[in-house]
Amino acid sequence: MKNREDKKKEFEELRKAFEKANNVFVTGFAKLKVEQDFNLRKTIRGAGGKYRVVKNNIAEIAAEGTPSEHVMKGLKGMTSLAFTEDPVGLAKVLTAYAKTNPAFTFKAGLVEGRAIDIRAINDLATMPSKDEIFAKLLYVINAPARQLVTAMNAVGRNLAVVLDQGVKENKFKS
């Protein structure tokens, strides 16, 4: 059993986590087996997130005055939190995990400081990740430059082809 100082320290850590977190997924894990929990934690770490099991009343009190306050009110059952910087990546991972493990459920979420519901979490999971969006953006930015270089090279290439054909057909007089 934890003593009062340990509980206070844990509360303060949770409070700091809520203050600096813009992206939090509130989940339930009732009847999750140890092996499943281990795989869940491993999966979340792989997606760049942090996972924490919390007591509902402590989480509600720790979230007061933070952006997470609205999603922490009225929690029931076993509750865990997943914190991340990349909400899309973590939403994809957690949604895939929830499909294979029905004991794992979503309760609510906080993305970029806004409370979202379960449906929005599933919508978020279908979005492309940050890396995919950056790759598409870079492709769009580079496309005009690539087309310009191709057009500039085409002039010289076409001239070389015409001269080569002229030489082969003896169109030039020496």
Protein backbone atom coordinates (compact mmCIF):
# COMPACT_ATOMS: atom_id res chain seq x y z
CA MET A 1 0.00 0.00 0.00
CA LYS A 2 1.29 3.45 -0.89
CA ASN A 3 1.98 5.97 1.81
CA ARG A 4 0.69 9.53 1.72
CA GLU A 5 3.92 10.98 0.30
CA ASP A 6 3.97 8.52 -2.60
CA LYS A 7 0.35 9.29 -3.38
CA LYS A 8 1.04 13.03 -3.31
CA LYS A 9 4.06 12.60 -5.59
CA GLU A 10 2.00 10.50 -8.02
CA PHE A 11 -0.76 13.14 -7.97
CA GLU A 12 1.74 15.92 -8.75
CA GLU A 13 3.21 13.92 -11.65
CA LEU A 14 -0.27 13.36 -13.06
CA ARG A 15 -1.08 17.05 -12.64
CA LYS A 16 2.07 18.05 -14.57
CA ALA A 17 1.24 15.53 -17.28
CA PHE A 18 -2.24 17.06 -17.69
CA GLU A 19 -0.84 20.60 -17.76
CA LYS A 20 1.55 19.94 -20.62
CA ALA A 21 -0.48 17.36 -22.57
CA ASN A 22 -2.50 18.50 -25.59
CA ASN A 23 -3.31 14.97 -26.73
CA VAL A 24 -4.75 12.41 -24.32
CA PHE A 25 -6.80 9.29 -24.97
CA VAL A 26 -8.92 8.08 -22.05
CA THR A 27 -9.42 4.34 -22.25
CA GLY A 28 -10.86 1.43 -20.31
CA PHE A 29 -9.11 -1.87 -19.82
CA ALA A 30 -11.46 -4.05 -17.77
CA LYS A 31 -10.65 -7.78 -18.02
CA LEU A 32 -7.42 -7.15 -19.91
CA LYS A 33 -4.92 -9.93 -19.25
CA VAL A 34 -1.32 -9.25 -18.23
CA GLU A 35 0.07 -10.32 -21.61
CA GLN A 36 -2.45 -8.08 -23.41
CA ASP A 37 -1.53 -5.17 -21.14
CA PHE A 38 2.17 -5.75 -21.82
CA ASN A 39 1.51 -5.74 -25.59
CA LEU A 40 -0.60 -2.59 -25.26
CA ARG A 41 2.15 -0.73 -23.40
CA LYS A 42 4.72 -1.90 -25.94
CA THR A 43 2.50 -0.77 -28.81
CA ILE A 44 1.94 2.67 -27.27
CA ARG A 45 5.66 3.15 -26.63
CA GLY A 46 6.32 2.16 -30.25
CA ALA A 47 3.95 4.91 -31.40
CA GLY A 48 5.77 7.48 -29.25
CA GLY A 49 3.18 7.66 -26.50
CA LYS A 50 3.06 7.16 -22.75
CA TYR A 51 0.55 4.96 -20.96
CA ARG A 52 -0.67 5.26 -17.40
CA VAL A 53 -3.35 3.60 -15.29
CA VAL A 54 -5.15 6.07 -13.02
CA LYS A 55 -7.81 6.22 -10.35
CA ASN A 56 -10.86 8.07 -11.60
CA ASN A 57 -11.25 10.50 -8.69
CA ILE A 58 -7.53 11.34 -8.61
CA ALA A 59 -7.50 11.92 -12.38
CA GLU A 60 -10.55 14.18 -12.11
CA ILE A 61 -8.99 16.25 -9.32
CA ALA A 62 -5.58 16.43 -11.05
CA ALA A 63 -7.19 17.60 -14.30
CA GLU A 64 -8.98 20.57 -12.72
CA GLY A 65 -7.98 23.80 -14.43
CA THR A 66 -6.28 22.03 -17.35
CA PRO A 67 -7.52 21.40 -20.90
CA SER A 68 -8.17 17.78 -19.89
CA GLU A 69 -10.71 18.76 -17.23
CA HIS A 70 -13.79 18.10 -19.41
CA VAL A 71 -12.77 14.58 -20.48
CA MET A 72 -11.89 13.52 -16.91
CA LYS A 73 -15.27 14.30 -15.36
CA GLY A 74 -17.54 11.44 -14.39
CA LEU A 75 -15.25 8.54 -15.28
CA LYS A 76 -16.41 5.09 -14.26
CA GLY A 77 -14.69 1.71 -14.23
CA MET A 78 -11.02 1.01 -14.78
CA THR A 79 -9.35 3.92 -16.53
CA SER A 80 -6.04 4.40 -18.28
CA LEU A 81 -4.54 7.33 -20.15
CA ALA A 82 -2.40 7.44 -23.25
CA PHE A 83 -0.44 10.67 -23.79
CA THR A 84 1.21 11.54 -27.09
CA GLU A 85 2.57 14.27 -29.35
CA ASP A 86 1.21 12.56 -32.50
CA PRO A 87 -2.51 11.94 -31.97
CA VAL A 88 -3.10 10.42 -35.40
CA GLY A 89 -0.37 7.81 -35.01
CA LEU A 90 -1.51 6.82 -31.54
CA ALA A 91 -5.17 6.76 -32.57
CA LYS A 92 -4.29 4.35 -35.38
CA VAL A 93 -2.37 2.08 -33.04
CA LEU A 94 -5.01 2.12 -30.30
CA THR A 95 -7.88 1.55 -32.73
CA ALA A 96 -6.09 -1.43 -34.27
CA TYR A 97 -5.39 -2.79 -30.78
CA ALA A 98 -9.03 -2.31 -29.73
CA LYS A 99 -10.21 -4.32 -32.75
CA THR A 100 -8.13 -7.32 -31.72
CA ASN A 101 -8.76 -6.93 -27.96
CA PRO A 102 -12.43 -6.17 -27.17
CA ALA A 103 -11.59 -5.70 -23.46
CA PHE A 104 -9.83 -2.45 -24.41
CA THR A 105 -12.27 0.42 -24.98
CA PHE A 106 -12.20 4.16 -25.59
CA LYS A 107 -13.96 6.51 -23.19
CA ALA A 108 -12.98 9.95 -24.52
CA GLY A 109 -10.07 11.91 -25.87
CA LEU A 110 -8.38 15.27 -26.02
CA VAL A 111 -6.73 16.30 -29.29
CA GLU A 112 -4.96 19.63 -29.64
CA GLY A 113 -6.74 20.83 -26.50
CA ARG A 114 -10.25 19.92 -27.72
CA ALA A 115 -12.39 17.16 -26.26
CA ILE A 116 -13.41 14.47 -28.75
CA ASP A 117 -15.71 11.47 -28.56
CA ILE A 118 -15.22 7.85 -29.59
CA ARG A 119 -16.45 8.41 -33.16
CA ALA A 120 -13.93 11.23 -33.63
CA ILE A 121 -11.14 8.95 -32.39
CA ASN A 122 -12.05 6.43 -35.11
CA ASP A 123 -12.14 9.24 -37.69
CA LEU A 124 -8.73 10.39 -36.48
CA ALA A 125 -7.38 6.86 -36.93
CA THR A 126 -8.31 6.93 -40.63
CA MET A 127 -6.37 10.14 -41.30
CA PRO A 128 -2.88 10.01 -42.79
CA SER A 129 -0.03 10.37 -40.30
CA LYS A 130 2.14 13.48 -40.00
CA ASP A 131 4.91 11.84 -42.01
CA GLU A 132 2.50 11.01 -44.85
CA ILE A 133 1.12 14.56 -44.87
CA PHE A 134 4.64 16.04 -44.90
CA ALA A 135 5.64 13.72 -47.76
CA LYS A 136 2.60 14.78 -49.80
CA LEU A 137 3.29 18.45 -49.04
CA LEU A 138 6.92 18.13 -50.12
CA TYR A 139 5.80 16.39 -53.32
CA VAL A 140 3.43 19.27 -54.10
CA ILE A 141 6.12 21.86 -53.35
CA ASN A 142 8.75 20.06 -55.48
CA ALA A 143 6.44 19.30 -58.44
CA PRO A 144 6.77 22.72 -60.21
CA ALA A 145 10.56 22.69 -59.85
CA ARG A 146 10.73 19.13 -61.21
CA GLN A 147 8.50 20.09 -64.17
CA LEU A 148 10.69 23.13 -64.92
CA VAL A 149 13.86 21.05 -64.93
CA THR A 150 12.21 18.44 -67.14
CA ALA A 151 11.09 21.13 -69.62
CA MET A 152 14.55 22.73 -69.68
CA ASN A 153 16.21 19.37 -70.29
CA ALA A 154 13.68 18.56 -73.01
CA VAL A 155 14.92 21.42 -75.23
CA GLY A 156 18.49 20.15 -75.28
CA ARG A 157 17.40 16.53 -75.63
CA ASN A 158 15.06 17.35 -78.53
CA LEU A 159 17.79 19.36 -80.28
CA ALA A 160 20.20 16.44 -79.92
CA VAL A 161 17.61 14.03 -81.35
CA VAL A 162 16.94 16.30 -84.37
CA LEU A 163 20.66 16.74 -85.05
CA ASP A 164 21.23 12.98 -84.71
CA GLN A 165 18.44 12.23 -87.20
CA GLY A 166 19.78 14.87 -89.58
CA VAL A 167 23.22 13.28 -89.48
CA LYS A 168 21.82 9.78 -90.04
CA GLU A 169 19.76 10.95 -93.03
CA ASN A 170 22.62 13.01 -94.45
CA LYS A 171 20.62 16.27 -94.34
CA PHE A 172 23.72 18.32 -93.55
CA LYS A 173 26.17 19.16 -96.29
CA SER A 174 29.81 19.26 -95.47
